[in-house]
PDB file of N, CA and C in Angstrom:
ATOM      1  N   MET A   1       0.927  -1.038  -0.091  1.00  0.00           N
ATOM      2  CA  MET A   1      -0.138  -0.051   0.028  1.00  0.00           C
ATOM      3  C   MET A   1       0.922   1.338  -0.044  1.00  0.00           C
ATOM      4  N   ALA A   2       2.335   1.480   0.611  1.00  0.00           N
ATOM      5  CA  ALA A   2       3.092   2.408   0.539  1.00  0.00           C
ATOM      6  C   ALA A   2       3.299   2.652  -0.608  1.00  0.00           C
ATOM      7  N   ALA A   3       3.516   1.651  -1.389  1.00  0.00           N
ATOM      8  CA  ALA A   3       3.931   2.101  -2.877  1.00  0.00           C
ATOM      9  C   ALA A   3       2.825   2.640  -3.667  1.00  0.00           C
ATOM     10  N   ASN A   4       1.570   2.062  -3.460  1.00  0.00           N
ATOM     11  CA  ASN A   4       0.487   2.794  -4.235  1.00  0.00           C
ATOM     12  C   ASN A   4       0.425   4.353  -3.597  1.00  0.00           C
ATOM     13  N   ALA A   5       0.489   4.310  -2.661  1.00  0.00           N
ATOM     14  CA  ALA A   5       0.724   5.679  -2.005  1.00  0.00           C
ATOM     15  C   ALA A   5       1.132   6.648  -2.955  1.00  0.00           C
ATOM     16  N   ILE A   6       2.581   6.419  -2.872  1.00  0.00           N
ATOM     17  CA  ILE A   6       3.681   6.673  -3.422  1.00  0.00           C
ATOM     18  C   ILE A   6       3.262   7.213  -4.765  1.00  0.00           C
ATOM     19  N   LEU A   7       2.902   6.182  -5.555  1.00  0.00           N
ATOM     20  CA  LEU A   7       2.754   6.471  -7.179  1.00  0.00           C
ATOM     21  C   LEU A   7       1.733   7.448  -7.049  1.00  0.00           C
ATOM     22  N   ALA A   8       0.591   7.419  -6.273  1.00  0.00           N
ATOM     23  CA  ALA A   8      -0.654   8.635  -6.268  1.00  0.00           C
ATOM     24  C   ALA A   8      -0.175   9.982  -6.444  1.00  0.00           C
ATOM     25  N   LEU A   9       0.710  10.170  -4.984  1.00  0.00           N
ATOM     26  CA  LEU A   9       1.138  11.243  -4.925  1.00  0.00           C
ATOM     27  C   LEU A   9       2.324  12.015  -5.379  1.00  0.00           C
ATOM     28  N   ALA A  10       3.084  11.003  -5.905  1.00  0.00           N
ATOM     29  CA  ALA A  10       4.584  11.303  -6.714  1.00  0.00           C
ATOM     30  C   ALA A  10       4.243  12.651  -7.666  1.00  0.00           C
ATOM     31  N   PRO A  11       3.260  12.751  -8.146  1.00  0.00           N
ATOM     32  CA  PRO A  11       3.243  13.720  -9.377  1.00  0.00           C
ATOM     33  C   PRO A  11       2.996  15.186  -8.648  1.00  0.00           C
ATOM     34  N   ASP A  12       3.136  14.793  -7.673  1.00  0.00           N
ATOM     35  CA  ASP A  12       3.131  16.551  -6.710  1.00  0.00           C
ATOM     36  C   ASP A  12       3.753  16.786  -5.868  1.00  0.00           C
ATOM     37  N   PRO A  13       5.017  16.412  -5.860  1.00  0.00           N
ATOM     38  CA  PRO A  13       6.320  16.517  -4.650  1.00  0.00           C
ATOM     39  C   PRO A  13       5.896  17.657  -3.996  1.00  0.00           C
ATOM     40  N   ASP A  14       6.231  18.464  -4.458  1.00  0.00           N
ATOM     41  CA  ASP A  14       5.914  19.766  -3.518  1.00  0.00           C
ATOM     42  C   ASP A  14       5.135  19.637  -2.589  1.00  0.00           C
ATOM     43  N   ARG A  15       3.588  19.614  -2.718  1.00  0.00           N
ATOM     44  CA  ARG A  15       2.711  19.737  -1.706  1.00  0.00           C
ATOM     45  C   ARG A  15       3.047  18.198  -1.010  1.00  0.00           C
ATOM     46  N   TYR A  16       3.581  17.003  -1.475  1.00  0.00           N
ATOM     47  CA  TYR A  16       3.297  15.715  -0.646  1.00  0.00           C
ATOM     48  C   TYR A  16       4.891  15.546  -0.131  1.00  0.00           C
ATOM     49  N   ALA A  17       5.766  16.262  -0.164  1.00  0.00           N
ATOM     50  CA  ALA A  17       7.233  15.772   0.107  1.00  0.00           C
ATOM     51  C   ALA A  17       7.196  15.157   1.115  1.00  0.00           C
ATOM     52  N   PRO A  18       6.585  15.644   2.479  1.00  0.00           N
ATOM     53  CA  PRO A  18       7.314  15.066   3.986  1.00  0.00           C
ATOM     54  C   PRO A  18       6.215  13.463   4.020  1.00  0.00           C
ATOM     55  N   LEU A  19       5.141  13.396   3.054  1.00  0.00           N
ATOM     56  CA  LEU A  19       4.355  12.171   2.998  1.00  0.00           C
ATOM     57  C   LEU A  19       5.120  11.097   2.211  1.00  0.00           C
ATOM     58  N   LEU A  20       5.740  11.501   1.112  1.00  0.00           N
ATOM     59  CA  LEU A  20       6.324  10.689  -0.081  1.00  0.00           C
ATOM     60  C   LEU A  20       7.805  10.410   0.801  1.00  0.00           C
ATOM     61  N   HIS A  21       8.472  10.904   1.426  1.00  0.00           N
ATOM     62  CA  HIS A  21       9.793  10.556   2.348  1.00  0.00           C
ATOM     63  C   HIS A  21       9.330   9.905   3.234  1.00  0.00           C
ATOM     64  N   ARG A  22       8.236   9.693   4.095  1.00  0.00           N
ATOM     65  CA  ARG A  22       7.792   8.845   5.087  1.00  0.00           C
ATOM     66  C   ARG A  22       7.568   7.428   4.238  1.00  0.00           C
ATOM     67  N   ALA A  23       6.857   7.595   3.499  1.00  0.00           N
ATOM     68  CA  ALA A  23       6.156   6.313   2.605  1.00  0.00           C
ATOM     69  C   ALA A  23       7.250   6.038   2.232  1.00  0.00           C
ATOM     70  N   ALA A  24       7.932   6.390   1.675  1.00  0.00           N
ATOM     71  CA  ALA A  24       9.387   5.748   0.920  1.00  0.00           C
ATOM     72  C   ALA A  24      10.462   4.808   1.924  1.00  0.00           C
ATOM     73  N   LEU A  25      10.015   5.037   3.300  1.00  0.00           N
ATOM     74  CA  LEU A  25      10.961   4.696   4.405  1.00  0.00           C
ATOM     75  C   LEU A  25      10.193   3.570   4.670  1.00  0.00           C
ATOM     76  N   CYS A  26       8.772   3.501   5.011  1.00  0.00           N
ATOM     77  CA  CYS A  26       7.867   2.595   5.139  1.00  0.00           C
ATOM     78  C   CYS A  26       8.672   1.515   4.216  1.00  0.00           C
ATOM     79  N   LEU A  27       8.627   1.958   2.765  1.00  0.00           N
ATOM     80  CA  LEU A  27       8.728   0.584   1.991  1.00  0.00           C
ATOM     81  C   LEU A  27       9.998  -0.066   2.376  1.00  0.00           C
ATOM     82  N   LEU A  28      10.972   1.236   2.370  1.00  0.00           N
ATOM     83  CA  LEU A  28      12.139   0.168   2.412  1.00  0.00           C
ATOM     84  C   LEU A  28      12.312  -0.446   3.378  1.00  0.00           C
ATOM     85  N   ASP A  29      11.638  -0.051   4.764  1.00  0.00           N
ATOM     86  CA  ASP A  29      11.786  -0.862   5.969  1.00  0.00           C
ATOM     87  C   ASP A  29      11.122  -2.556   5.536  1.00  0.00           C
ATOM     88  N   VAL A  30      10.026  -2.662   5.179  1.00  0.00           N
ATOM     89  CA  VAL A  30       9.666  -4.013   4.926  1.00  0.00           C
ATOM     90  C   VAL A  30      10.095  -4.767   3.176  1.00  0.00           C
ATOM     91  N   GLN A  31      11.034  -4.109   2.958  1.00  0.00           N
ATOM     92  CA  GLN A  31      12.157  -4.942   2.578  1.00  0.00           C
ATOM     93  C   GLN A  31      12.378  -5.860   2.804  1.00  0.00           C
ATOM     94  N   GLN A  32      12.377  -7.525   2.032  1.00  0.00           N
ATOM     95  CA  GLN A  32      13.206  -8.028   2.647  1.00  0.00           C
ATOM     96  C   GLN A  32      14.645  -8.129   2.255  1.00  0.00           C
ATOM     97  N   ALA A  33      15.174  -9.144   3.109  1.00  0.00           N
ATOM     98  CA  ALA A  33      16.941  -9.345   3.304  1.00  0.00           C
ATOM     99  C   ALA A  33      17.092  -9.721   1.325  1.00  0.00           C
ATOM    100  N   ASP A  34      16.547 -10.360   1.108  1.00  0.00           N
ATOM    101  CA  ASP A  34      16.705 -10.915  -0.503  1.00  0.00           C
ATOM    102  C   ASP A  34      16.361  -9.834  -1.358  1.00  0.00           C
ATOM    103  N   GLY A  35      16.080  -8.620  -1.155  1.00  0.00           N
ATOM    104  CA  GLY A  35      15.403  -7.599  -2.003  1.00  0.00           C
ATOM    105  C   GLY A  35      14.167  -7.813  -2.153  1.00  0.00           C
ATOM    106  N   THR A  36      13.305  -8.855  -2.202  1.00  0.00           N
ATOM    107  CA  THR A  36      11.840  -8.776  -2.646  1.00  0.00           C
ATOM    108  C   THR A  36      11.152  -8.032  -1.200  1.00  0.00           C
ATOM    109  N   PHE A  37       9.814  -8.058  -1.746  1.00  0.00           N
ATOM    110  CA  PHE A  37       8.457  -7.230  -0.779  1.00  0.00           C
ATOM    111  C   PHE A  37       7.563  -8.284  -0.820  1.00  0.00           C
ATOM    112  N   GLU A  38       7.152  -8.015   0.403  1.00  0.00           N
ATOM    113  CA  GLU A  38       5.471  -8.879   0.793  1.00  0.00           C
ATOM    114  C   GLU A  38       4.756  -8.872  -0.621  1.00  0.00           C
ATOM    115  N   ARG A  39       4.003  -9.970  -0.712  1.00  0.00           N
ATOM    116  CA  ARG A  39       3.074 -10.208  -2.111  1.00  0.00           C
ATOM    117  C   ARG A  39       2.025  -9.521  -1.661  1.00  0.00           C
ATOM    118  N   SER A  40       1.194  -9.331  -0.250  1.00  0.00           N
ATOM    119  CA  SER A  40      -0.036  -8.831  -0.035  1.00  0.00           C
ATOM    120  C   SER A  40      -1.195  -9.237  -0.771  1.00  0.00           C
ATOM    121  N   TRP A  41      -1.743  -8.651  -1.286  1.00  0.00           N
ATOM    122  CA  TRP A  41      -3.107  -9.665  -2.250  1.00  0.00           C
ATOM    123  C   TRP A  41      -2.389 -10.266  -3.237  1.00  0.00           C
ATOM    124  N   SER A  42      -1.523 -10.226  -3.796  1.00  0.00           N
ATOM    125  CA  SER A  42      -1.346 -10.948  -5.351  1.00  0.00           C
ATOM    126  C   SER A  42      -0.459 -12.106  -4.902  1.00  0.00           C
ATOM    127  N   LEU A  43      -0.890 -13.306  -5.761  1.00  0.00           N
ATOM    128  CA  LEU A  43       0.373 -14.337  -5.304  1.00  0.00           C
ATOM    129  C   LEU A  43       1.668 -14.148  -6.395  1.00  0.00           C
ATOM    130  N   ALA A  44       1.536 -13.490  -6.933  1.00  0.00           N
ATOM    131  CA  ALA A  44       2.835 -13.046  -8.010  1.00  0.00           C
ATOM    132  C   ALA A  44       3.697 -12.285  -7.086  1.00  0.00           C
ATOM    133  N   GLU A  45       4.927 -12.948  -7.006  1.00  0.00           N
ATOM    134  CA  GLU A  45       6.002 -12.421  -5.644  1.00  0.00           C
ATOM    135  C   GLU A  45       6.575 -10.946  -6.928  1.00  0.00           C
ATOM    136  N   THR A  46       6.494 -11.172  -8.154  1.00  0.00           N
ATOM    137  CA  THR A  46       7.299  -9.702  -9.275  1.00  0.00           C
ATOM    138  C   THR A  46       6.161  -8.863  -9.148  1.00  0.00           C
ATOM    139  N   HIS A  47       4.720  -9.163  -8.789  1.00  0.00           N
ATOM    140  CA  HIS A  47       3.937  -7.973  -8.746  1.00  0.00           C
ATOM    141  C   HIS A  47       4.199  -7.148  -7.676  1.00  0.00           C
ATOM    142  N   GLY A  48       4.862  -7.151  -6.400  1.00  0.00           N
ATOM    143  CA  GLY A  48       5.466  -6.566  -5.212  1.00  0.00           C
ATOM    144  C   GLY A  48       6.328  -6.145  -5.935  1.00  0.00           C
ATOM    145  N   LEU A  49       7.388  -6.649  -6.396  1.00  0.00           N
ATOM    146  CA  LEU A  49       8.701  -5.838  -7.101  1.00  0.00           C
ATOM    147  C   LEU A  49       8.597  -5.003  -7.738  1.00  0.00           C
ATOM    148  N   ARG A  50       7.293  -5.104  -8.706  1.00  0.00           N
ATOM    149  CA  ARG A  50       7.200  -4.205  -9.745  1.00  0.00           C
ATOM    150  C   ARG A  50       6.670  -3.059  -9.188  1.00  0.00           C
ATOM    151  N   ARG A  51       5.652  -3.109  -8.168  1.00  0.00           N
ATOM    152  CA  ARG A  51       4.982  -1.773  -7.784  1.00  0.00           C
ATOM    153  C   ARG A  51       6.175  -1.471  -6.464  1.00  0.00           C
ATOM    154  N   ALA A  52       6.861  -1.982  -5.777  1.00  0.00           N
ATOM    155  CA  ALA A  52       7.480  -1.064  -5.480  1.00  0.00           C
ATOM    156  C   ALA A  52       9.190  -0.454  -6.342  1.00  0.00           C
ATOM    157  N   THR A  53       9.272  -1.195  -7.175  1.00  0.00           N
ATOM    158  CA  THR A  53      10.640  -0.346  -7.714  1.00  0.00           C
ATOM    159  C   THR A  53       9.793   0.959  -8.845  1.00  0.00           C
ATOM    160  N   ALA A  54       8.631   0.794  -8.938  1.00  0.00           N
ATOM    161  CA  ALA A  54       7.784   1.761 -10.030  1.00  0.00           C
ATOM    162  C   ALA A  54       7.664   2.983  -8.728  1.00  0.00           C
ATOM    163  N   ALA A  55       7.570   2.641  -7.525  1.00  0.00           N
ATOM    164  CA  ALA A  55       7.043   3.848  -6.886  1.00  0.00           C
ATOM    165  C   ALA A  55       8.693   4.164  -6.271  1.00  0.00           C
ATOM    166  N   LEU A  56       9.358   3.564  -6.128  1.00  0.00           N
ATOM    167  CA  LEU A  56      10.577   4.007  -5.510  1.00  0.00           C
ATOM    168  C   LEU A  56      11.395   5.108  -6.620  1.00  0.00           C
ATOM    169  N   THR A  57      11.514   4.536  -8.065  1.00  0.00           N
ATOM    170  CA  THR A  57      11.890   5.057  -9.299  1.00  0.00           C
ATOM    171  C   THR A  57      10.967   6.645  -9.588  1.00  0.00           C
ATOM    172  N   SER A  58       9.552   6.674  -9.025  1.00  0.00           N
ATOM    173  CA  SER A  58       8.510   7.930  -9.331  1.00  0.00           C
ATOM    174  C   SER A  58       9.323   8.946  -8.164  1.00  0.00           C
ATOM    175  N   LEU A  59      10.123   8.687  -7.447  1.00  0.00           N
ATOM    176  CA  LEU A  59      10.161   9.892  -6.403  1.00  0.00           C
ATOM    177  C   LEU A  59      11.316  10.932  -6.577  1.00  0.00           C
ATOM    178  N   PRO A  60      10.707  12.144  -6.374  1.00  0.00           N
ATOM    179  CA  PRO A  60      11.732  13.227  -6.929  1.00  0.00           C
ATOM    180  C   PRO A  60      13.094  13.371  -6.225  1.00  0.00           C
ATOM    181  N   SER A  61      14.371  13.707  -7.087  1.00  0.00           N
ATOM    182  CA  SER A  61      15.204  13.122  -6.515  1.00  0.00           C
ATOM    183  C   SER A  61      15.570  13.920  -5.358  1.00  0.00           C
ATOM    184  N   THR A  62      14.946  15.209  -4.661  1.00  0.00           N
ATOM    185  CA  THR A  62      15.271  15.633  -3.588  1.00  0.00           C
ATOM    186  C   THR A  62      14.971  14.547  -2.485  1.00  0.00           C
ATOM    187  N   ILE A  63      14.160  13.651  -2.707  1.00  0.00           N
ATOM    188  CA  ILE A  63      14.192  12.890  -1.385  1.00  0.00           C
ATOM    189  C   ILE A  63      14.590  11.640  -1.768  1.00  0.00           C
ATOM    190  N   THR A  64      15.200  11.142  -2.735  1.00  0.00           N
ATOM    191  CA  THR A  64      16.128   9.883  -3.252  1.00  0.00           C
ATOM    192  C   THR A  64      17.588  10.458  -3.039  1.00  0.00           C
ATOM    193  N   ALA A  65      17.984  11.536  -2.684  1.00  0.00           N
ATOM    194  CA  ALA A  65      19.236  12.418  -2.247  1.00  0.00           C
ATOM    195  C   ALA A  65      19.398  11.655  -0.680  1.00  0.00           C
ATOM    196  N   VAL A  66      17.855  12.556  -0.127  1.00  0.00           N
ATOM    197  CA  VAL A  66      18.174  12.107   1.275  1.00  0.00           C
ATOM    198  C   VAL A  66      18.286  10.555   1.781  1.00  0.00           C
ATOM    199  N   LEU A  67      17.540   9.591   1.213  1.00  0.00           N
ATOM    200  CA  LEU A  67      17.573   8.472   1.201  1.00  0.00           C
ATOM    201  C   LEU A  67      18.929   7.620   1.264  1.00  0.00           C
ATOM    202  N   GLY A  68      19.627   8.270   0.354  1.00  0.00           N
ATOM    203  CA  GLY A  68      20.636   7.547   0.396  1.00  0.00           C
ATOM    204  C   GLY A  68      21.135   6.164   0.085  1.00  0.00           C
ATOM    205  N   GLY A  69      22.134   5.492   0.514  1.00  0.00           N
ATOM    206  CA  GLY A  69      22.089   4.133   0.486  1.00  0.00           C
ATOM    207  C   GLY A  69      20.961   3.093   0.949  1.00  0.00           C
ATOM    208  N   ARG A  70      19.874   3.609   1.137  1.00  0.00           N
ATOM    209  CA  ARG A  70      19.144   2.650   1.630  1.00  0.00           C
ATOM    210  C   ARG A  70      18.184   1.914   0.584  1.00  0.00           C
TER     211      ARG A  70
END
């Protein structure tokens, strides 16, 4: 759900920067040791990976710069 929130709010980063930052941290915190994410309601593990990757790559550079090596 954090990934979906990022995707919905990323088009307006000036308005939602603090929320986007917190949602990105939440998403990164639940990433598993092997790099995957929980499947949630989908049975396909690749769906979670695609959704998380799409969300993280949609973030503005001002947020990704702060997240650093995460």
